[in-house]
Amino acid sequence: MTKRQFIASLCLVSAGWAIELSPASLSAETPLVVQQPARGLSAPAPSSKTPQVELLNPGVEPRQQLRLKPAINVKEITVMTVKMNMDISASGQSSAAAKIPVSVMTFETKVTKIDSNGDIYYEFAYTNANIVGDTGNTQPAALNAMRSALKNIVGVKGSFIMDNRGFHKGGDIILPAGADNNVKQMVRQMSKSLEQLGSPLPAEAVGKGAKWRVSSSSGFSGMNVNDIATYELASWQDGVVSMNVSIEQQANPQNISSPQLPAGSTLTLKSFSSQGRGKVTGRLDRLIPFRATVSISSNSEMSAKNAGSSEELTITTKMAMEMTLESK
C-alpha cells in the first residue's frame, strides 16, 4: 500500500471514530441501542460498565425523587437531527474542513407495560432516515453511500426494559427482512453504546438547582473511553422538568485495533478529549423529552505505521457537532 493510500485509509478510520465517539447523552430513554443481542446476531463482547450516579448537590427545598412513569400505550414520534463539521490532517497534510451532510432520523416509541417495581417495558421502531439540506462539496458517490447507510436503519425495531431511574435492563432488536451483513454490523456497533446514551437519574430526593454526575466507561472500535456527564435540575414545575448537561470524554494513550485498518499496520492513540453542553426538557410521564439539544467539540491525535515501514505518521481530528431531539 502506498503512503497516499495509507493516509487516506487513516483519515477514513479517524472520521468514523470521531462520529461514533460523539456523545448522545440527550435523553435517558433514547432507544438507539440494545443490551442483549439482536435476534440472529451473536452477542458482542461486553464493552462498558454500568454507569455510576453521584449526587453533588441536592438542591433547594422542596425536594422529591425523580422517577420515570410514562403513560401506557401512548405513541411518541421523535426526530433526531445531527449536524457535523470535521477537519482531519495526516502527516502534516491538512485537508479542507469537511461539512458533513445533515442527517435526520425518525423513530416511534410506545410503552406497553409498567411493573409494580417501576420497570418500564417499551417498543420502538425506526420509520425514516435521510440526509437533508446543503450537502456542501460532498461527492455524489459519497453522498449516496451516506444516504444508503442511514436508510439501513429504517425498519429496525425492538423492545426494551428500563427501570424508573433510566437504567436499561435488557432488550431485543429485530432486523428487517433481508437485512445484509452491513446492517447486522451496524446493529452490533449500536449495541455497544447503551451506557453512552443513558443519563440515569439520582436515587436521592432533589430540588431546583440539584446537580449529579454520571460516570461510565465505554469501548468503541477498540478504543476505551471514560465518559462524565454532569446534570443540573434547572426547573421542575407542573410536571415539566428542565435539565442542563455538560459532557466530558477522555481516553488515555492506548494501542488500537480495528478491522478497518490495512493489514499489518499499527495505530496508537496519543490523546482524545471531548467537551459539550446541552439542555433537556420533558415530562416524567413521557418516555422521550419534548426537546433536547447538545453541542460538542472533540480533538484527537493518533500515530500510525504502515506495514513494512518504519515511518511514523501522525493524524489529528477536530470535530464540532450539534444534535437535537424533538418529540411529540
Protein backbone atom coordinates (compact mmCIF):
# COMPACT_ATOMS: atom_id res chain seq x y z
CA MET A 1 0.00 0.00 0.00
CA THR A 2 1.37 3.43 -0.95
CA LYS A 3 1.79 6.20 1.62
CA ARG A 4 -1.00 8.21 -0.03
CA GLN A 5 -3.40 5.25 0.14
CA PHE A 6 -2.41 4.58 3.76
CA ILE A 7 -3.08 8.20 4.76
CA ALA A 8 -6.45 8.09 3.00
CA SER A 9 -7.42 4.93 4.91
CA LEU A 10 -6.34 6.50 8.23
CA CYS A 11 -8.47 9.57 7.53
CA LEU A 12 -11.46 7.34 6.87
CA VAL A 13 -10.91 5.39 10.10
CA SER A 14 -10.42 8.59 12.10
CA ALA A 15 -13.62 10.12 10.74
CA GLY A 16 -15.57 7.02 11.67
CA TRP A 17 -14.24 7.10 15.25
CA ALA A 18 -15.00 10.80 15.65
CA ILE A 19 -18.60 10.21 14.65
CA GLU A 20 -19.03 7.08 16.78
CA LEU A 21 -17.42 8.63 19.86
CA SER A 22 -19.67 11.69 19.80
CA PRO A 23 -21.77 11.55 22.96
CA ALA A 24 -25.52 11.41 22.56
CA SER A 25 -26.47 11.99 26.17
CA LEU A 26 -29.63 13.80 25.23
CA SER A 27 -32.06 11.51 26.99
CA ALA A 28 -32.18 8.62 29.39
CA GLU A 29 -34.57 6.90 27.06
CA THR A 30 -33.24 7.42 23.52
CA PRO A 31 -33.91 3.94 22.03
CA LEU A 32 -30.91 3.54 19.77
CA VAL A 33 -29.27 0.51 21.30
CA VAL A 34 -29.82 -2.86 22.91
CA GLN A 35 -28.18 -4.59 25.84
CA GLN A 36 -28.89 -8.09 24.56
CA PRO A 37 -28.06 -9.22 21.01
CA ALA A 38 -30.47 -8.81 18.14
CA ARG A 39 -32.24 -11.95 17.00
CA GLY A 40 -29.95 -13.89 14.75
CA LEU A 41 -26.86 -11.97 15.86
CA SER A 42 -24.06 -13.12 18.10
CA ALA A 43 -23.68 -11.18 21.34
CA PRO A 44 -20.90 -8.59 21.31
CA ALA A 45 -18.24 -8.74 23.98
CA PRO A 46 -19.00 -6.56 26.99
CA SER A 47 -17.53 -3.11 26.32
CA SER A 48 -18.89 -0.87 29.04
CA LYS A 49 -19.71 -0.80 32.73
CA THR A 50 -22.91 0.18 34.50
CA PRO A 51 -23.00 3.99 34.87
CA GLN A 52 -22.31 5.36 38.35
CA VAL A 53 -24.52 8.21 39.60
CA GLU A 54 -23.17 10.58 42.27
CA LEU A 55 -25.30 13.34 43.78
CA LEU A 56 -23.22 16.51 44.06
CA ASN A 57 -25.88 18.91 45.39
CA PRO A 58 -29.46 18.01 46.42
CA GLY A 59 -30.79 21.45 45.51
CA VAL A 60 -33.27 23.57 47.45
CA GLU A 61 -36.47 22.52 49.19
CA PRO A 62 -38.98 21.19 48.37
CA ARG A 63 -37.30 18.01 47.16
CA GLN A 64 -38.65 14.79 45.71
CA GLN A 65 -37.35 11.79 43.80
CA LEU A 66 -37.09 11.99 40.03
CA ARG A 67 -38.76 8.85 38.73
CA LEU A 68 -40.00 7.94 35.25
CA LYS A 69 -43.61 6.85 34.91
CA PRO A 70 -44.69 7.25 31.28
CA ALA A 71 -48.26 6.65 30.18
CA ILE A 72 -49.02 3.20 28.77
CA ASN A 73 -49.95 2.75 25.09
CA VAL A 74 -49.19 6.37 24.14
CA LYS A 75 -47.16 6.56 20.92
CA GLU A 76 -44.43 9.20 20.65
CA ILE A 77 -42.77 10.27 17.41
CA THR A 78 -39.23 11.62 17.76
CA VAL A 79 -36.99 13.32 15.21
CA MET A 80 -33.23 13.39 15.78
CA THR A 81 -31.13 15.84 13.73
CA VAL A 82 -27.32 15.69 13.60
CA LYS A 83 -25.12 18.45 12.16
CA MET A 84 -21.36 17.96 11.99
CA ASN A 85 -18.17 19.60 10.72
CA MET A 86 -14.78 17.89 10.72
CA ASP A 87 -11.14 18.75 9.96
CA ILE A 88 -8.61 15.91 9.53
CA SER A 89 -4.88 16.22 8.90
CA ALA A 90 -2.40 13.39 8.36
CA SER A 91 1.39 13.56 8.31
CA GLY A 92 1.20 17.36 8.29
CA GLN A 93 -1.09 17.38 5.28
CA SER A 94 -4.24 19.27 6.29
CA SER A 95 -7.46 18.59 4.45
CA ALA A 96 -10.14 21.23 3.99
CA ALA A 97 -12.74 21.26 6.74
CA ALA A 98 -15.47 18.84 5.77
CA LYS A 99 -19.10 19.87 6.11
CA ILE A 100 -20.84 16.56 6.65
CA PRO A 101 -24.44 16.49 5.37
CA VAL A 102 -27.17 16.87 7.99
CA SER A 103 -28.76 13.55 8.94
CA VAL A 104 -32.33 13.28 10.20
CA MET A 105 -33.76 10.10 11.79
CA THR A 106 -37.32 9.47 12.95
CA PHE A 107 -38.37 6.77 15.40
CA GLU A 108 -41.55 5.86 17.25
CA THR A 109 -41.87 4.58 20.82
CA LYS A 110 -44.71 3.11 22.85
CA VAL A 111 -44.76 1.94 26.47
CA THR A 112 -46.52 -1.43 26.73
CA LYS A 113 -46.30 -2.22 30.46
CA ILE A 114 -45.05 -0.94 33.81
CA ASP A 115 -44.26 -3.45 36.57
CA SER A 116 -45.10 -2.88 40.22
CA ASN A 117 -41.39 -2.23 40.88
CA GLY A 118 -41.40 0.57 38.31
CA ASP A 119 -39.74 -1.31 35.43
CA ILE A 120 -40.83 0.10 32.08
CA TYR A 121 -41.41 -2.08 29.01
CA TYR A 122 -41.44 -0.26 25.68
CA GLU A 123 -41.25 -0.83 21.95
CA PHE A 124 -39.57 1.27 19.30
CA ALA A 125 -39.19 1.36 15.52
CA TYR A 126 -37.21 3.50 13.10
CA THR A 127 -39.58 4.87 10.47
CA ASN A 128 -37.42 7.25 8.45
CA ALA A 129 -33.78 8.33 7.97
CA ASN A 130 -32.23 10.59 5.37
CA ILE A 131 -29.80 13.38 4.52
CA VAL A 132 -31.26 16.85 4.17
CA GLY A 133 -30.26 20.42 3.31
CA ASP A 134 -26.96 21.68 1.91
CA THR A 135 -24.59 18.83 1.13
CA GLY A 136 -21.60 21.17 0.62
CA ASN A 137 -18.82 19.77 -1.57
CA THR A 138 -19.63 16.13 -0.82
CA GLN A 139 -19.12 13.96 -3.88
CA PRO A 140 -22.31 12.32 -5.26
CA ALA A 141 -20.92 8.80 -4.70
CA ALA A 142 -20.09 9.56 -1.06
CA LEU A 143 -23.46 11.24 -0.58
CA ASN A 144 -25.29 8.20 -1.96
CA ALA A 145 -23.26 5.91 0.33
CA MET A 146 -24.17 8.04 3.38
CA ARG A 147 -27.85 8.09 2.41
CA SER A 148 -27.86 4.33 1.83
CA ALA A 149 -26.20 3.66 5.21
CA LEU A 150 -28.76 5.83 7.00
CA LYS A 151 -31.69 4.16 5.30
CA ASN A 152 -30.42 0.79 6.55
CA ILE A 153 -31.90 1.54 9.97
CA VAL A 154 -35.42 2.06 8.62
CA GLY A 155 -37.45 -0.98 9.65
CA VAL A 156 -35.22 -1.81 12.62
CA LYS A 157 -37.45 -2.29 15.65
CA GLY A 158 -37.32 -3.84 19.09
CA SER A 159 -38.48 -3.94 22.69
CA PHE A 160 -36.68 -2.97 25.91
CA ILE A 161 -36.90 -2.98 29.70
CA MET A 162 -35.74 0.01 31.72
CA ASP A 163 -36.12 0.85 35.40
CA ASN A 164 -37.75 4.07 36.56
CA ARG A 165 -34.36 5.78 37.04
CA GLY A 166 -33.35 5.25 33.42
CA PHE A 167 -31.05 2.23 33.80
CA HIS A 168 -31.59 -0.21 30.93
CA LYS A 169 -32.09 -3.82 31.99
CA GLY A 170 -32.13 -5.60 28.63
CA GLY A 171 -33.90 -5.82 25.33
CA ASP A 172 -34.22 -7.39 21.92
CA ILE A 173 -33.91 -5.86 18.48
CA ILE A 174 -35.45 -7.19 15.26
CA LEU A 175 -33.89 -6.59 11.85
CA PRO A 176 -36.00 -6.00 8.73
CA ALA A 177 -36.40 -8.91 6.33
CA GLY A 178 -33.41 -9.30 4.04
CA ALA A 179 -31.03 -7.28 6.22
CA ASP A 180 -27.47 -7.71 4.93
CA ASN A 181 -24.20 -8.04 6.84
CA ASN A 182 -23.70 -4.26 6.86
CA VAL A 183 -26.96 -3.79 8.76
CA LYS A 184 -26.02 -6.57 11.19
CA GLN A 185 -22.62 -4.97 11.81
CA MET A 186 -24.27 -1.61 12.39
CA VAL A 187 -26.59 -3.14 14.99
CA ARG A 188 -23.65 -4.79 16.72
CA GLN A 189 -21.95 -1.40 16.97
CA MET A 190 -25.15 0.19 18.26
CA SER A 191 -25.48 -2.50 20.91
CA LYS A 192 -22.16 -1.41 22.45
CA SER A 193 -23.34 2.11 23.21
CA LEU A 194 -26.10 1.72 25.82
CA GLU A 195 -24.38 3.50 28.72
CA GLN A 196 -23.05 6.14 26.34
CA LEU A 197 -26.63 7.13 25.55
CA GLY A 198 -28.01 6.72 29.06
CA SER A 199 -28.48 9.51 31.58
CA PRO A 200 -29.71 7.78 34.77
CA LEU A 201 -31.45 9.78 37.48
CA PRO A 202 -30.18 10.08 41.09
CA ALA A 203 -31.61 7.82 43.80
CA GLU A 204 -31.99 10.69 46.29
CA ALA A 205 -34.73 13.30 46.50
CA VAL A 206 -33.72 16.52 44.72
CA GLY A 207 -34.95 20.06 44.20
CA LYS A 208 -34.25 23.00 41.91
CA GLY A 209 -30.51 23.54 41.49
CA ALA A 210 -29.63 19.90 42.20
CA LYS A 211 -26.53 18.54 40.47
CA TRP A 212 -25.45 14.95 39.85
CA ARG A 213 -22.67 13.29 37.90
CA VAL A 214 -22.98 10.17 35.73
CA SER A 215 -19.66 8.37 35.12
CA SER A 216 -19.14 5.43 32.79
CA SER A 217 -16.53 3.80 30.58
CA SER A 218 -17.22 2.60 27.07
CA GLY A 219 -15.47 0.68 24.33
CA PHE A 220 -15.68 1.92 20.75
CA SER A 221 -13.93 0.20 17.86
CA GLY A 222 -11.04 -0.93 20.03
CA MET A 223 -10.76 2.34 21.98
CA ASN A 224 -11.58 2.63 25.71
CA VAL A 225 -13.16 5.96 26.66
CA ASN A 226 -14.14 7.50 30.01
CA ASP A 227 -17.38 9.49 29.99
CA ILE A 228 -18.65 12.03 32.53
CA ALA A 229 -21.97 13.86 32.22
CA THR A 230 -22.99 16.42 34.85
CA TYR A 231 -26.67 17.36 35.15
CA GLU A 232 -28.28 20.36 36.83
CA LEU A 233 -32.01 20.49 37.58
CA ALA A 234 -32.81 23.95 36.22
CA SER A 235 -36.56 23.79 36.88
CA TRP A 236 -39.34 21.39 37.87
CA GLN A 237 -42.84 22.81 37.69
CA ASP A 238 -46.27 21.43 36.75
CA GLY A 239 -44.69 18.12 35.83
CA VAL A 240 -42.20 19.66 33.36
CA VAL A 241 -38.51 19.01 34.10
CA SER A 242 -35.69 21.03 32.56
CA MET A 243 -32.04 19.97 32.97
CA ASN A 244 -28.74 21.47 31.84
CA VAL A 245 -25.99 19.00 30.99
CA SER A 246 -22.23 19.24 30.49
CA ILE A 247 -20.32 16.36 28.89
CA GLU A 248 -16.67 15.34 29.04
CA GLN A 249 -14.89 12.42 27.38
CA GLN A 250 -11.27 11.39 27.72
CA ALA A 251 -9.18 8.46 26.54
CA ASN A 252 -5.70 7.51 27.79
CA PRO A 253 -2.91 6.63 25.33
CA GLN A 254 -3.51 3.12 24.03
CA ASN A 255 -2.99 0.80 21.11
CA ILE A 256 -5.99 0.49 18.83
CA SER A 257 -7.15 -2.44 16.73
CA SER A 258 -9.80 -2.18 14.04
CA PRO A 259 -10.84 -4.34 11.06
CA GLN A 260 -10.89 -1.11 9.02
CA LEU A 261 -7.11 -0.74 9.31
CA PRO A 262 -4.90 -2.04 6.49
CA ALA A 263 -3.41 -5.47 7.23
CA GLY A 264 -0.15 -5.30 9.18
CA SER A 265 -0.48 -1.62 10.11
CA THR A 266 -0.44 -0.30 13.68
CA LEU A 267 -2.33 2.59 15.24
CA THR A 268 -1.76 4.21 18.64
CA LEU A 269 -3.95 6.80 20.30
CA LYS A 270 -1.92 9.66 21.78
CA SER A 271 -4.80 11.77 23.07
CA PHE A 272 -8.56 12.17 22.85
CA SER A 273 -10.82 14.68 24.58
CA SER A 274 -14.34 15.91 24.02
CA GLN A 275 -16.49 18.57 25.69
CA GLY A 276 -20.12 19.52 25.25
CA ARG A 277 -23.13 21.29 26.70
CA GLY A 278 -26.84 20.80 26.26
CA LYS A 279 -30.35 21.07 27.66
CA VAL A 280 -33.15 18.54 28.12
CA THR A 281 -36.82 19.46 28.67
CA GLY A 282 -39.64 16.97 29.15
CA ARG A 283 -42.09 15.30 31.49
CA LEU A 284 -41.56 12.29 33.74
CA ASP A 285 -44.81 10.80 32.41
CA ARG A 286 -43.38 10.66 28.88
CA LEU A 287 -40.67 8.34 27.61
CA ILE A 288 -38.90 10.90 25.39
CA PRO A 289 -38.24 14.60 26.16
CA PHE A 290 -40.15 17.31 24.27
CA ARG A 291 -36.81 18.71 23.19
CA ALA A 292 -33.13 18.02 23.84
CA THR A 293 -30.08 19.71 22.37
CA VAL A 294 -26.32 19.29 22.72
CA SER A 295 -23.26 20.92 21.12
CA ILE A 296 -19.95 19.03 21.23
CA SER A 297 -16.35 19.61 20.16
CA SER A 298 -13.60 16.99 20.19
CA ASN A 299 -9.90 16.66 19.40
CA SER A 300 -7.82 13.55 18.87
CA GLU A 301 -4.26 12.67 17.86
CA MET A 302 -3.02 9.27 16.75
CA SER A 303 0.22 7.82 15.36
CA ALA A 304 0.34 5.09 12.74
CA LYS A 305 2.80 2.87 10.91
CA ASN A 306 2.17 1.20 7.58
CA ALA A 307 3.04 -2.48 7.16
CA GLY A 308 6.74 -2.89 6.35
CA SER A 309 7.58 0.76 7.04
CA SER A 310 9.42 2.36 9.97
CA GLU A 311 7.99 5.81 9.24
CA GLU A 312 5.53 7.05 11.85
CA LEU A 313 2.61 9.17 10.66
CA THR A 314 0.51 11.46 12.86
CA ILE A 315 -3.19 12.03 12.24
CA THR A 316 -5.23 14.68 14.05
CA THR A 317 -9.00 15.15 14.01
CA LYS A 318 -11.10 18.13 15.10
CA MET A 319 -14.87 17.87 15.14
CA ALA A 320 -17.83 20.08 16.01
CA MET A 321 -21.33 18.64 16.26
CA GLU A 322 -24.87 19.72 17.13
CA MET A 323 -27.62 17.24 17.96
CA THR A 324 -31.32 17.87 18.54
CA LEU A 325 -34.20 15.65 19.63
CA GLU A 326 -37.80 16.79 19.19
CA SER A 327 -40.70 14.59 20.25
CA LYS A 328 -44.48 14.79 20.06
